Amino acid sequence: MKTHTILIGFFLTLSAAAFAQVKDIQINAKVVSVPLDPAALRDAGLTLDSTAAVSKLGVIPAEKVAEVLAKLEKMPGHTLLNAPSVTTKSGTRATSQSTREFIYPTEFVPPRFSPAAGDKPVTLASGQAVTAIPSTPESFEMRMTGFRLEIEPVIGPDGNTLDLNLAPELVTFEGFVNYGSPIKAAALDKDGKLQEVVLTENQVLQPVFSTVKSTTGATMPSGHVLVLGGASSGTLPSATNKPDLKQEAKLDGKPTHAVFFFIQAKVFTP
């Protein structure tokens, strides 16, 4: 009985030790957008190294992040774009995303007249009409817009330090570029004067997207927050913000918003 008691105690100790070593990792992220105002950002303790790429701004304690977020919330135009959360294991890649399908045409049937006129001018008899049929979409593609985060955390030997490999991405819709041109005709007005008439606007709209993304890594204590920052010129997605399908794209490439990723990783025992 004594031997059995010792063995049972030994196995119970092993089981407890193994259970204690099973740890999960909670990933909490916030994606925040504010107008690109360098002075206001400096006041919040944030400085973008570049507006052309995503920069790693540092690792800070959660308490400090709360102060930074409070200052950002006071800025006019502040928007919380996303706040994903996901749980994973050490060495296991996790993905969290909040996206919207954006379907748009890529190929068009050329404009035409009915009755067909070919390449010749259309001459109409009195009372005769002609219909101009604009370019018609026939093939479509889909682009995902919104936020996506891929992250692979690894718990260090001390059980409290985390090595992160991550790839955040934010895709926004900037607007449309019109590659079409109006189809016009000449007609006599009531006074017998020749006037130009637009038969159809014949719009061929193609969307422009802006992408803010990064593939990076960091080592930090459990519970701390990695801060990444970039800039965007597109329409930023949120729960109440849908793309404006009449919006014209600005092709100057000038960013209008600063976008910050606050990514916290925390070790816990389930």
Foldseek 3Di string as FASTA:
>chain_A
DVVVVVVVVVVVVVVVVVLVPFKKKKKKKWKKKAWPDQVLLVVLVDHDPDQVAKDFGDWFFPVSVVSSVVSLVPGPPMDTADIDMDMGGAQDKDKDWDKDKDKDADDWDAKAKVVGDPPDDDDDDPPDDMAIGATGGDHMDIDIAGKMKIKHWHQDPVRWKIKIWMKIKGKFWQAWDWPDAFDWDWDQDPVRDIDIGTNDRRTDIDIDMDMHMDTDMDMDTANIKTKMKHFAAHQRHHPPDDDDHHDHGDPPRDTTMMMMMIMHMHMDND
